[in-house]
Amino acid sequence: MKGIYLINPHWQSGNKSKQECAQAQKQALETYIEDHNIFTVKLNQWQLNDYYTIPHALLYDLKQKKADLDVLVLYSEEVLEDFINSYPARWLILKSFFNEVVFAAKQKETYFEGAG
């Protein structure tokens, strides 16, 4: 299975810092990817990380490559809430490049309660 994961470095939950939240997203997503045997794809040769942090950049690269991908892995719908609400059409287009969109976090709060 081929996929891409997206981390929102600006998302915060509870009283955690943005850095703690980004690290929590990264750990949860990488664990999910490993557990489900997902091969992560880099669409852009200049991309620094194995993941995206900007939905607009991901959409641009998807359009350029016309990639056929199985899964987009996100921590939760909440981490992209601003993008989804601000750009509903772009969100629909972005989702259309994947067979499915999955959320690695079962519940947004329980992940953070155990960490600390």
PDB file of N, CA and C in Angstrom:
ATOM      1  N   MET A   1       0.836  -1.172   0.000  1.00  0.00           N
ATOM      2  CA  MET A   1       0.000   0.000   0.000  1.00  0.00           C
ATOM      3  C   MET A   1       0.888   1.245   0.000  1.00  0.00           C
ATOM      4  N   LYS A   2       0.583   2.186  -0.884  1.00  0.00           N
ATOM      5  CA  LYS A   2       1.353   3.425  -0.984  1.00  0.00           C
ATOM      6  C   LYS A   2       0.559   4.566  -0.367  1.00  0.00           C
ATOM      7  N   GLY A   3       1.252   5.400   0.398  1.00  0.00           N
ATOM      8  CA  GLY A   3       0.546   6.492   1.041  1.00  0.00           C
ATOM      9  C   GLY A   3       1.417   7.677   1.371  1.00  0.00           C
ATOM     10  N   ILE A   4       0.752   8.689   1.879  1.00  0.00           N
ATOM     11  CA  ILE A   4       1.387   9.929   2.295  1.00  0.00           C
ATOM     12  C   ILE A   4       0.786  10.300   3.643  1.00  0.00           C
ATOM     13  N   TYR A   5       1.629  10.885   4.504  1.00  0.00           N
ATOM     14  CA  TYR A   5       1.075  11.387   5.748  1.00  0.00           C
ATOM     15  C   TYR A   5       1.357  12.869   5.906  1.00  0.00           C
ATOM     16  N   LEU A   6       0.441  13.521   6.625  1.00  0.00           N
ATOM     17  CA  LEU A   6       0.492  14.959   6.776  1.00  0.00           C
ATOM     18  C   LEU A   6       0.434  15.299   8.263  1.00  0.00           C
ATOM     19  N   ILE A   7       1.353  16.154   8.688  1.00  0.00           N
ATOM     20  CA  ILE A   7       1.422  16.618  10.071  1.00  0.00           C
ATOM     21  C   ILE A   7       1.162  18.115  10.072  1.00  0.00           C
ATOM     22  N   ASN A   8       0.329  18.580  11.003  1.00  0.00           N
ATOM     23  CA  ASN A   8       0.081  20.007  11.132  1.00  0.00           C
ATOM     24  C   ASN A   8       0.918  20.549  12.292  1.00  0.00           C
ATOM     25  N   PRO A   9       2.029  21.249  11.995  1.00  0.00           N
ATOM     26  CA  PRO A   9       2.905  21.757  13.052  1.00  0.00           C
ATOM     27  C   PRO A   9       2.298  22.916  13.838  1.00  0.00           C
ATOM     28  N   HIS A  10       1.166  23.450  13.384  1.00  0.00           N
ATOM     29  CA  HIS A  10       0.531  24.590  14.053  1.00  0.00           C
ATOM     30  C   HIS A  10      -0.631  24.185  14.959  1.00  0.00           C
ATOM     31  N   TRP A  11      -1.014  22.913  14.917  1.00  0.00           N
ATOM     32  CA  TRP A  11      -2.156  22.432  15.703  1.00  0.00           C
ATOM     33  C   TRP A  11      -1.754  22.236  17.159  1.00  0.00           C
ATOM     34  N   GLN A  12      -2.654  22.634  18.069  1.00  0.00           N
ATOM     35  CA  GLN A  12      -2.421  22.437  19.492  1.00  0.00           C
ATOM     36  C   GLN A  12      -3.642  21.788  20.116  1.00  0.00           C
ATOM     37  N   SER A  13      -3.384  20.963  21.133  1.00  0.00           N
ATOM     38  CA  SER A  13      -4.470  20.313  21.857  1.00  0.00           C
ATOM     39  C   SER A  13      -4.209  20.454  23.346  1.00  0.00           C
ATOM     40  N   GLY A  14      -5.235  20.855  24.064  1.00  0.00           N
ATOM     41  CA  GLY A  14      -5.095  20.997  25.510  1.00  0.00           C
ATOM     42  C   GLY A  14      -4.035  22.023  25.867  1.00  0.00           C
ATOM     43  N   ASN A  15      -3.230  21.705  26.875  1.00  0.00           N
ATOM     44  CA  ASN A  15      -2.195  22.641  27.313  1.00  0.00           C
ATOM     45  C   ASN A  15      -0.816  22.250  26.782  1.00  0.00           C
ATOM     46  N   LYS A  16      -0.792  21.432  25.745  1.00  0.00           N
ATOM     47  CA  LYS A  16       0.478  21.013  25.137  1.00  0.00           C
ATOM     48  C   LYS A  16       0.973  22.083  24.163  1.00  0.00           C
ATOM     49  N   SER A  17       2.289  22.159  24.013  1.00  0.00           N
ATOM     50  CA  SER A  17       2.869  23.107  23.061  1.00  0.00           C
ATOM     51  C   SER A  17       2.685  22.588  21.636  1.00  0.00           C
ATOM     52  N   LYS A  18       2.861  23.484  20.670  1.00  0.00           N
ATOM     53  CA  LYS A  18       2.778  23.072  19.265  1.00  0.00           C
ATOM     54  C   LYS A  18       3.814  21.998  18.962  1.00  0.00           C
ATOM     55  N   GLN A  19       5.002  22.158  19.549  1.00  0.00           N
ATOM     56  CA  GLN A  19       6.076  21.184  19.324  1.00  0.00           C
ATOM     57  C   GLN A  19       5.690  19.807  19.882  1.00  0.00           C
ATOM     58  N   GLU A  20       5.111  19.769  21.077  1.00  0.00           N
ATOM     59  CA  GLU A  20       4.669  18.497  21.667  1.00  0.00           C
ATOM     60  C   GLU A  20       3.563  17.854  20.828  1.00  0.00           C
ATOM     61  N   CYS A  21       2.659  18.680  20.340  1.00  0.00           N
ATOM     62  CA  CYS A  21       1.559  18.171  19.509  1.00  0.00           C
ATOM     63  C   CYS A  21       2.074  17.633  18.174  1.00  0.00           C
ATOM     64  N   ALA A  22       3.021  18.335  17.576  1.00  0.00           N
ATOM     65  CA  ALA A  22       3.603  17.877  16.312  1.00  0.00           C
ATOM     66  C   ALA A  22       4.339  16.557  16.520  1.00  0.00           C
ATOM     67  N   GLN A  23       5.068  16.445  17.620  1.00  0.00           N
ATOM     68  CA  GLN A  23       5.791  15.207  17.921  1.00  0.00           C
ATOM     69  C   GLN A  23       4.818  14.057  18.167  1.00  0.00           C
ATOM     70  N   ALA A  24       3.723  14.332  18.863  1.00  0.00           N
ATOM     71  CA  ALA A  24       2.706  13.306  19.115  1.00  0.00           C
ATOM     72  C   ALA A  24       2.081  12.830  17.804  1.00  0.00           C
ATOM     73  N   GLN A  25       1.806  13.781  16.905  1.00  0.00           N
ATOM     74  CA  GLN A  25       1.265  13.417  15.591  1.00  0.00           C
ATOM     75  C   GLN A  25       2.242  12.526  14.840  1.00  0.00           C
ATOM     76  N   LYS A  26       3.506  12.942  14.824  1.00  0.00           N
ATOM     77  CA  LYS A  26       4.540  12.209  14.094  1.00  0.00           C
ATOM     78  C   LYS A  26       4.672  10.780  14.623  1.00  0.00           C
ATOM     79  N   GLN A  27       4.729  10.631  15.930  1.00  0.00           N
ATOM     80  CA  GLN A  27       4.868   9.290  16.525  1.00  0.00           C
ATOM     81  C   GLN A  27       3.665   8.411  16.214  1.00  0.00           C
ATOM     82  N   ALA A  28       2.468   8.961  16.372  1.00  0.00           N
ATOM     83  CA  ALA A  28       1.252   8.186  16.106  1.00  0.00           C
ATOM     84  C   ALA A  28       1.157   7.779  14.637  1.00  0.00           C
ATOM     85  N   LEU A  29       1.482   8.709  13.741  1.00  0.00           N
ATOM     86  CA  LEU A  29       1.402   8.428  12.310  1.00  0.00           C
ATOM     87  C   LEU A  29       2.446   7.406  11.880  1.00  0.00           C
ATOM     88  N   GLU A  30       3.669   7.550  12.360  1.00  0.00           N
ATOM     89  CA  GLU A  30       4.716   6.593  11.989  1.00  0.00           C
ATOM     90  C   GLU A  30       4.413   5.200  12.511  1.00  0.00           C
ATOM     91  N   THR A  31       3.850   5.103  13.711  1.00  0.00           N
ATOM     92  CA  THR A  31       3.448   3.808  14.262  1.00  0.00           C
ATOM     93  C   THR A  31       2.344   3.197  13.403  1.00  0.00           C
ATOM     94  N   TYR A  32       1.352   3.999  13.044  1.00  0.00           N
ATOM     95  CA  TYR A  32       0.245   3.526  12.215  1.00  0.00           C
ATOM     96  C   TYR A  32       0.763   3.026  10.864  1.00  0.00           C
ATOM     97  N   ILE A  33       1.645   3.795  10.254  1.00  0.00           N
ATOM     98  CA  ILE A  33       2.205   3.447   8.945  1.00  0.00           C
ATOM     99  C   ILE A  33       2.971   2.131   9.018  1.00  0.00           C
ATOM    100  N   GLU A  34       3.760   1.980  10.059  1.00  0.00           N
ATOM    101  CA  GLU A  34       4.523   0.746  10.239  1.00  0.00           C
ATOM    102  C   GLU A  34       3.591  -0.444  10.493  1.00  0.00           C
ATOM    103  N   ASP A  35       2.610  -0.264  11.354  1.00  0.00           N
ATOM    104  CA  ASP A  35       1.670  -1.348  11.699  1.00  0.00           C
ATOM    105  C   ASP A  35       0.840  -1.803  10.506  1.00  0.00           C
ATOM    106  N   HIS A  36       0.588  -0.901   9.570  1.00  0.00           N
ATOM    107  CA  HIS A  36      -0.271  -1.222   8.424  1.00  0.00           C
ATOM    108  C   HIS A  36       0.518  -1.398   7.120  1.00  0.00           C
ATOM    109  N   ASN A  37       1.837  -1.526   7.235  1.00  0.00           N
ATOM    110  CA  ASN A  37       2.706  -1.775   6.078  1.00  0.00           C
ATOM    111  C   ASN A  37       2.459  -0.800   4.927  1.00  0.00           C
ATOM    112  N   ILE A  38       2.440   0.469   5.264  1.00  0.00           N
ATOM    113  CA  ILE A  38       2.247   1.508   4.251  1.00  0.00           C
ATOM    114  C   ILE A  38       3.614   2.003   3.804  1.00  0.00           C
ATOM    115  N   PHE A  39       3.824   2.023   2.500  1.00  0.00           N
ATOM    116  CA  PHE A  39       5.054   2.549   1.918  1.00  0.00           C
ATOM    117  C   PHE A  39       4.828   4.027   1.644  1.00  0.00           C
ATOM    118  N   THR A  40       5.588   4.904   2.328  1.00  0.00           N
ATOM    119  CA  THR A  40       5.389   6.341   2.124  1.00  0.00           C
ATOM    120  C   THR A  40       6.099   6.799   0.858  1.00  0.00           C
ATOM    121  N   VAL A  41       5.420   7.661   0.131  1.00  0.00           N
ATOM    122  CA  VAL A  41       5.881   8.136  -1.170  1.00  0.00           C
ATOM    123  C   VAL A  41       6.278   9.603  -1.052  1.00  0.00           C
ATOM    124  N   LYS A  42       7.400   9.955  -1.664  1.00  0.00           N
ATOM    125  CA  LYS A  42       7.807  11.357  -1.787  1.00  0.00           C
ATOM    126  C   LYS A  42       7.489  11.791  -3.207  1.00  0.00           C
ATOM    127  N   LEU A  43       6.617  12.748  -3.345  1.00  0.00           N
ATOM    128  CA  LEU A  43       6.212  13.222  -4.669  1.00  0.00           C
ATOM    129  C   LEU A  43       7.183  14.251  -5.234  1.00  0.00           C
ATOM    130  N   ASN A  44       7.868  14.943  -4.352  1.00  0.00           N
ATOM    131  CA  ASN A  44       8.738  16.039  -4.741  1.00  0.00           C
ATOM    132  C   ASN A  44      10.162  15.706  -4.322  1.00  0.00           C
ATOM    133  N   GLN A  45      11.069  15.679  -5.258  1.00  0.00           N
ATOM    134  CA  GLN A  45      12.460  15.302  -4.955  1.00  0.00           C
ATOM    135  C   GLN A  45      13.130  16.279  -3.991  1.00  0.00           C
ATOM    136  N   TRP A  46      12.608  17.489  -3.872  1.00  0.00           N
ATOM    137  CA  TRP A  46      13.197  18.503  -2.995  1.00  0.00           C
ATOM    138  C   TRP A  46      12.579  18.494  -1.598  1.00  0.00           C
ATOM    139  N   GLN A  47      11.626  17.629  -1.404  1.00  0.00           N
ATOM    140  CA  GLN A  47      10.945  17.534  -0.112  1.00  0.00           C
ATOM    141  C   GLN A  47      11.928  17.084   0.972  1.00  0.00           C
ATOM    142  N   LEU A  48      11.986  17.812   2.072  1.00  0.00           N
ATOM    143  CA  LEU A  48      12.940  17.505   3.141  1.00  0.00           C
ATOM    144  C   LEU A  48      12.498  16.329   4.012  1.00  0.00           C
ATOM    145  N   ASN A  49      11.215  16.279   4.350  1.00  0.00           N
ATOM    146  CA  ASN A  49      10.705  15.245   5.244  1.00  0.00           C
ATOM    147  C   ASN A  49       9.978  14.149   4.470  1.00  0.00           C
ATOM    148  N   ASP A  50       9.694  13.061   5.163  1.00  0.00           N
ATOM    149  CA  ASP A  50       8.904  11.983   4.568  1.00  0.00           C
ATOM    150  C   ASP A  50       7.418  12.316   4.593  1.00  0.00           C
ATOM    151  N   TYR A  51       7.065  13.404   5.211  1.00  0.00           N
ATOM    152  CA  TYR A  51       5.669  13.795   5.371  1.00  0.00           C
ATOM    153  C   TYR A  51       5.476  15.233   4.891  1.00  0.00           C
ATOM    154  N   TYR A  52       4.209  15.597   4.721  1.00  0.00           N
ATOM    155  CA  TYR A  52       3.857  16.970   4.353  1.00  0.00           C
ATOM    156  C   TYR A  52       3.393  17.730   5.586  1.00  0.00           C
ATOM    157  N   THR A  53       3.564  19.041   5.565  1.00  0.00           N
ATOM    158  CA  THR A  53       3.047  19.897   6.631  1.00  0.00           C
ATOM    159  C   THR A  53       2.094  20.957   6.077  1.00  0.00           C
ATOM    160  N   ILE A  54       2.035  21.072   4.751  1.00  0.00           N
ATOM    161  CA  ILE A  54       1.201  22.096   4.109  1.00  0.00           C
ATOM    162  C   ILE A  54       0.254  21.415   3.112  1.00  0.00           C
ATOM    163  N   PRO A  55      -1.046  21.406   3.422  1.00  0.00           N
ATOM    164  CA  PRO A  55      -2.008  20.762   2.508  1.00  0.00           C
ATOM    165  C   PRO A  55      -1.970  21.311   1.088  1.00  0.00           C
ATOM    166  N   HIS A  56      -1.765  22.629   0.938  1.00  0.00           N
ATOM    167  CA  HIS A  56      -1.707  23.236  -0.405  1.00  0.00           C
ATOM    168  C   HIS A  56      -0.524  22.673  -1.200  1.00  0.00           C
ATOM    169  N   ALA A  57       0.613  22.482  -0.538  1.00  0.00           N
ATOM    170  CA  ALA A  57       1.796  21.923  -1.207  1.00  0.00           C
ATOM    171  C   ALA A  57       1.544  20.477  -1.607  1.00  0.00           C
ATOM    172  N   LEU A  58       0.887  19.723  -0.745  1.00  0.00           N
ATOM    173  CA  LEU A  58       0.547  18.338  -1.066  1.00  0.00           C
ATOM    174  C   LEU A  58      -0.365  18.288  -2.287  1.00  0.00           C
ATOM    175  N   LEU A  59      -1.374  19.125  -2.312  1.00  0.00           N
ATOM    176  CA  LEU A  59      -2.299  19.155  -3.446  1.00  0.00           C
ATOM    177  C   LEU A  59      -1.569  19.532  -4.732  1.00  0.00           C
ATOM    178  N   TYR A  60      -0.688  20.506  -4.659  1.00  0.00           N
ATOM    179  CA  TYR A  60       0.089  20.922  -5.823  1.00  0.00           C
ATOM    180  C   TYR A  60       0.920  19.756  -6.355  1.00  0.00           C
ATOM    181  N   ASP A  61       1.637  19.063  -5.457  1.00  0.00           N
ATOM    182  CA  ASP A  61       2.478  17.941  -5.875  1.00  0.00           C
ATOM    183  C   ASP A  61       1.645  16.789  -6.437  1.00  0.00           C
ATOM    184  N   LEU A  62       0.489  16.540  -5.844  1.00  0.00           N
ATOM    185  CA  LEU A  62      -0.397  15.478  -6.351  1.00  0.00           C
ATOM    186  C   LEU A  62      -0.843  15.795  -7.773  1.00  0.00           C
ATOM    187  N   LYS A  63      -1.182  17.040  -8.023  1.00  0.00           N
ATOM    188  CA  LYS A  63      -1.607  17.451  -9.368  1.00  0.00           C
ATOM    189  C   LYS A  63      -0.455  17.324 -10.368  1.00  0.00           C
ATOM    190  N   GLN A  64       0.764  17.680  -9.946  1.00  0.00           N
ATOM    191  CA  GLN A  64       1.930  17.598 -10.828  1.00  0.00           C
ATOM    192  C   GLN A  64       2.260  16.153 -11.193  1.00  0.00           C
ATOM    193  N   LYS A  65       2.224  15.274 -10.225  1.00  0.00           N
ATOM    194  CA  LYS A  65       2.643  13.880 -10.420  1.00  0.00           C
ATOM    195  C   LYS A  65       1.525  12.981 -10.923  1.00  0.00           C
ATOM    196  N   LYS A  66       0.293  13.401 -10.714  1.00  0.00           N
ATOM    197  CA  LYS A  66      -0.862  12.566 -11.045  1.00  0.00           C
ATOM    198  C   LYS A  66      -0.680  11.157 -10.444  1.00  0.00           C
ATOM    199  N   ALA A  67      -0.272  11.153  -9.201  1.00  0.00           N
ATOM    200  CA  ALA A  67       0.048   9.906  -8.497  1.00  0.00           C
ATOM    201  C   ALA A  67      -1.210   9.121  -8.155  1.00  0.00           C
ATOM    202  N   ASP A  68      -1.073   7.810  -8.180  1.00  0.00           N
ATOM    203  CA  ASP A  68      -2.151   6.909  -7.776  1.00  0.00           C
ATOM    204  C   ASP A  68      -1.764   6.348  -6.413  1.00  0.00           C
ATOM    205  N   LEU A  69      -2.393   6.863  -5.369  1.00  0.00           N
ATOM    206  CA  LEU A  69      -2.017   6.484  -4.020  1.00  0.00           C
ATOM    207  C   LEU A  69      -3.178   5.840  -3.277  1.00  0.00           C
ATOM    208  N   ASP A  70      -2.828   4.945  -2.366  1.00  0.00           N
ATOM    209  CA  ASP A  70      -3.855   4.220  -1.630  1.00  0.00           C
ATOM    210  C   ASP A  70      -4.428   5.014  -0.466  1.00  0.00           C
ATOM    211  N   VAL A  71      -3.539   5.653   0.310  1.00  0.00           N
ATOM    212  CA  VAL A  71      -4.017   6.195   1.575  1.00  0.00           C
ATOM    213  C   VAL A  71      -3.330   7.510   1.965  1.00  0.00           C
ATOM    214  N   LEU A  72      -4.130   8.420   2.507  1.00  0.00           N
ATOM    215  CA  LEU A  72      -3.638   9.629   3.146  1.00  0.00           C
ATOM    216  C   LEU A  72      -3.852   9.416   4.637  1.00  0.00           C
ATOM    217  N   VAL A  73      -2.775   9.492   5.405  1.00  0.00           N
ATOM    218  CA  VAL A  73      -2.856   9.242   6.840  1.00  0.00           C
ATOM    219  C   VAL A  73      -2.718  10.566   7.589  1.00  0.00           C
ATOM    220  N   LEU A  74      -3.720  10.848   8.413  1.00  0.00           N
ATOM    221  CA  LEU A  74      -3.730  12.047   9.246  1.00  0.00           C
ATOM    222  C   LEU A  74      -3.860  11.626  10.701  1.00  0.00           C
ATOM    223  N   TYR A  75      -3.445  12.489  11.600  1.00  0.00           N
ATOM    224  CA  TYR A  75      -3.592  12.185  13.027  1.00  0.00           C
ATOM    225  C   TYR A  75      -5.072  12.165  13.396  1.00  0.00           C
ATOM    226  N   SER A  76      -5.788  13.202  13.017  1.00  0.00           N
ATOM    227  CA  SER A  76      -7.228  13.287  13.265  1.00  0.00           C
ATOM    228  C   SER A  76      -7.808  14.327  12.317  1.00  0.00           C
ATOM    229  N   GLU A  77      -9.108  14.337  12.200  1.00  0.00           N
ATOM    230  CA  GLU A  77      -9.738  15.344  11.343  1.00  0.00           C
ATOM    231  C   GLU A  77      -9.514  16.737  11.931  1.00  0.00           C
ATOM    232  N   GLU A  78      -9.408  16.798  13.245  1.00  0.00           N
ATOM    233  CA  GLU A  78      -9.234  18.076  13.941  1.00  0.00           C
ATOM    234  C   GLU A  78      -7.959  18.805  13.514  1.00  0.00           C
ATOM    235  N   VAL A  79      -6.882  18.076  13.207  1.00  0.00           N
ATOM    236  CA  VAL A  79      -5.625  18.740  12.847  1.00  0.00           C
ATOM    237  C   VAL A  79      -5.730  19.486  11.515  1.00  0.00           C
ATOM    238  N   LEU A  80      -6.679  19.098  10.670  1.00  0.00           N
ATOM    239  CA  LEU A  80      -6.863  19.794   9.386  1.00  0.00           C
ATOM    240  C   LEU A  80      -8.162  20.589   9.328  1.00  0.00           C
ATOM    241  N   GLU A  81      -8.783  20.768  10.463  1.00  0.00           N
ATOM    242  CA  GLU A  81     -10.079  21.425  10.530  1.00  0.00           C
ATOM    243  C   GLU A  81     -10.089  22.805   9.864  1.00  0.00           C
ATOM    244  N   ASP A  82      -9.067  23.616  10.126  1.00  0.00           N
ATOM    245  CA  ASP A  82      -9.008  24.957   9.531  1.00  0.00           C
ATOM    246  C   ASP A  82      -8.948  24.880   8.011  1.00  0.00           C
ATOM    247  N   PHE A  83      -8.104  23.983   7.494  1.00  0.00           N
ATOM    248  CA  PHE A  83      -7.981  23.820   6.044  1.00  0.00           C
ATOM    249  C   PHE A  83      -9.304  23.333   5.444  1.00  0.00           C
ATOM    250  N   ILE A  84      -9.891  22.322   6.069  1.00  0.00           N
ATOM    251  CA  ILE A  84     -11.138  21.731   5.570  1.00  0.00           C
ATOM    252  C   ILE A  84     -12.259  22.775   5.535  1.00  0.00           C
ATOM    253  N   ASN A  85     -12.361  23.571   6.597  1.00  0.00           N
ATOM    254  CA  ASN A  85     -13.413  24.593   6.664  1.00  0.00           C
ATOM    255  C   ASN A  85     -13.138  25.787   5.754  1.00  0.00           C
ATOM    256  N   SER A  86     -11.871  26.139   5.597  1.00  0.00           N
ATOM    257  CA  SER A  86     -11.519  27.297   4.771  1.00  0.00           C
ATOM    258  C   SER A  86     -11.511  26.981   3.281  1.00  0.00           C
ATOM    259  N   TYR A  87     -11.155  25.746   2.938  1.00  0.00           N
ATOM    260  CA  TYR A  87     -11.023  25.348   1.526  1.00  0.00           C
ATOM    261  C   TYR A  87     -11.733  24.016   1.267  1.00  0.00           C
ATOM    262  N   PRO A  88     -13.050  23.975   1.429  1.00  0.00           N
ATOM    263  CA  PRO A  88     -13.758  22.697   1.267  1.00  0.00           C
ATOM    264  C   PRO A  88     -13.580  22.055  -0.115  1.00  0.00           C
ATOM    265  N   ALA A  89     -13.533  22.863  -1.155  1.00  0.00           N
ATOM    266  CA  ALA A  89     -13.360  22.310  -2.503  1.00  0.00           C
ATOM    267  C   ALA A  89     -11.962  21.697  -2.656  1.00  0.00           C
ATOM    268  N   ARG A  90     -10.954  22.392  -2.161  1.00  0.00           N
ATOM    269  CA  ARG A  90      -9.590  21.856  -2.237  1.00  0.00           C
ATOM    270  C   ARG A  90      -9.458  20.570  -1.428  1.00  0.00           C
ATOM    271  N   TRP A  91     -10.143  20.515  -0.280  1.00  0.00           N
ATOM    272  CA  TRP A  91     -10.113  19.296   0.538  1.00  0.00           C
ATOM    273  C   TRP A  91     -10.704  18.125  -0.245  1.00  0.00           C
ATOM    274  N   LEU A  92     -11.804  18.358  -0.933  1.00  0.00           N
ATOM    275  CA  LEU A  92     -12.428  17.298  -1.737  1.00  0.00           C
ATOM    276  C   LEU A  92     -11.506  16.851  -2.864  1.00  0.00           C
ATOM    277  N   ILE A  93     -10.853  17.788  -3.507  1.00  0.00           N
ATOM    278  CA  ILE A  93      -9.915  17.450  -4.588  1.00  0.00           C
ATOM    279  C   ILE A  93      -8.734  16.670  -4.023  1.00  0.00           C
ATOM    280  N   LEU A  94      -8.188  17.140  -2.906  1.00  0.00           N
ATOM    281  CA  LEU A  94      -7.050  16.468  -2.283  1.00  0.00           C
ATOM    282  C   LEU A  94      -7.409  15.017  -1.930  1.00  0.00           C
ATOM    283  N   LYS A  95      -8.576  14.840  -1.313  1.00  0.00           N
ATOM    284  CA  LYS A  95      -9.020  13.485  -0.932  1.00  0.00           C
ATOM    285  C   LYS A  95      -9.207  12.585  -2.151  1.00  0.00           C
ATOM    286  N   SER A  96      -9.569  13.178  -3.278  1.00  0.00           N
ATOM    287  CA  SER A  96      -9.867  12.380  -4.469  1.00  0.00           C
ATOM    288  C   SER A  96      -8.640  11.670  -5.044  1.00  0.00           C
ATOM    289  N   PHE A  97      -7.440  12.093  -4.653  1.00  0.00           N
ATOM    290  CA  PHE A  97      -6.212  11.450  -5.124  1.00  0.00           C
ATOM    291  C   PHE A  97      -5.916  10.147  -4.383  1.00  0.00           C
ATOM    292  N   PHE A  98      -6.672   9.869  -3.332  1.00  0.00           N
ATOM    293  CA  PHE A  98      -6.425   8.694  -2.503  1.00  0.00           C
ATOM    294  C   PHE A  98      -7.652   7.780  -2.486  1.00  0.00           C
ATOM    295  N   ASN A  99      -7.391   6.476  -2.326  1.00  0.00           N
ATOM    296  CA  ASN A  99      -8.497   5.534  -2.188  1.00  0.00           C
ATOM    297  C   ASN A  99      -9.202   5.716  -0.853  1.00  0.00           C
ATOM    298  N   GLU A 100      -8.427   6.111   0.182  1.00  0.00           N
ATOM    299  CA  GLU A 100      -9.035   6.362   1.477  1.00  0.00           C
ATOM    300  C   GLU A 100      -8.203   7.341   2.298  1.00  0.00           C
ATOM    301  N   VAL A 101      -8.871   7.990   3.250  1.00  0.00           N
ATOM    302  CA  VAL A 101      -8.219   8.864   4.218  1.00  0.00           C
ATOM    303  C   VAL A 101      -8.443   8.221   5.578  1.00  0.00           C
ATOM    304  N   VAL A 102      -7.355   7.971   6.299  1.00  0.00           N
ATOM    305  CA  VAL A 102      -7.482   7.340   7.616  1.00  0.00           C
ATOM    306  C   VAL A 102      -6.915   8.252   8.697  1.00  0.00           C
ATOM    307  N   PHE A 103      -7.445   8.084   9.896  1.00  0.00           N
ATOM    308  CA  PHE A 103      -7.010   8.870  11.039  1.00  0.00           C
ATOM    309  C   PHE A 103      -6.340   7.935  12.034  1.00  0.00           C
ATOM    310  N   ALA A 104      -5.078   8.230  12.357  1.00  0.00           N
ATOM    311  CA  ALA A 104      -4.278   7.355  13.208  1.00  0.00           C
ATOM    312  C   ALA A 104      -4.692   7.417  14.672  1.00  0.00           C
ATOM    313  N   ALA A 105      -5.182   8.546  15.118  1.00  0.00           N
ATOM    314  CA  ALA A 105      -5.579   8.690  16.520  1.00  0.00           C
ATOM    315  C   ALA A 105      -6.998   8.168  16.697  1.00  0.00           C
ATOM    316  N   LYS A 106      -7.167   7.289  17.665  1.00  0.00           N
ATOM    317  CA  LYS A 106      -8.510   6.764  17.919  1.00  0.00           C
ATOM    318  C   LYS A 106      -9.380   7.842  18.543  1.00  0.00           C
ATOM    319  N   GLN A 107      -8.835   8.507  19.535  1.00  0.00           N
ATOM    320  CA  GLN A 107      -9.522   9.649  20.140  1.00  0.00           C
ATOM    321  C   GLN A 107      -8.485  10.698  20.456  1.00  0.00           C
ATOM    322  N   LYS A 108      -8.789  11.910  20.094  1.00  0.00           N
ATOM    323  CA  LYS A 108      -7.779  12.963  20.214  1.00  0.00           C
ATOM    324  C   LYS A 108      -7.279  13.172  21.638  1.00  0.00           C
ATOM    325  N   GLU A 109      -8.136  13.052  22.624  1.00  0.00           N
ATOM    326  CA  GLU A 109      -7.732  13.356  23.995  1.00  0.00           C
ATOM    327  C   GLU A 109      -6.962  12.217  24.657  1.00  0.00           C
ATOM    328  N   THR A 110      -7.350  10.973  24.421  1.00  0.00           N
ATOM    329  CA  THR A 110      -6.728   9.873  25.138  1.00  0.00           C
ATOM    330  C   THR A 110      -5.239   9.746  24.842  1.00  0.00           C
ATOM    331  N   TYR A 111      -4.838  10.126  23.632  1.00  0.00           N
ATOM    332  CA  TYR A 111      -3.413  10.024  23.294  1.00  0.00           C
ATOM    333  C   TYR A 111      -2.586  10.946  24.175  1.00  0.00           C
ATOM    334  N   PHE A 112      -3.124  12.127  24.448  1.00  0.00           N
ATOM    335  CA  PHE A 112      -2.370  13.101  25.229  1.00  0.00           C
ATOM    336  C   PHE A 112      -2.435  12.835  26.724  1.00  0.00           C
ATOM    337  N   GLU A 113      -3.499  12.226  27.211  1.00  0.00           N
ATOM    338  CA  GLU A 113      -3.601  11.946  28.636  1.00  0.00           C
ATOM    339  C   GLU A 113      -2.490  11.014  29.107  1.00  0.00           C
ATOM    340  N   GLY A 114      -2.169  10.036  28.291  1.00  0.00           N
ATOM    341  CA  GLY A 114      -1.124   9.076  28.667  1.00  0.00           C
ATOM    342  C   GLY A 114       0.266   9.656  28.547  1.00  0.00           C
ATOM    343  N   ALA A 115       0.445  10.625  27.699  1.00  0.00           N
ATOM    344  CA  ALA A 115       1.777  11.226  27.501  1.00  0.00           C
ATOM    345  C   ALA A 115       1.998  12.297  28.561  1.00  0.00           C
ATOM    346  N   GLY A 116       3.174  12.329  29.078  1.00  0.00           N
ATOM    347  CA  GLY A 116       3.351  13.440  29.980  1.00  0.00           C
ATOM    348  C   GLY A 116       4.273  13.142  31.046  1.00  0.00           C
TER     349      GLY A 116
END
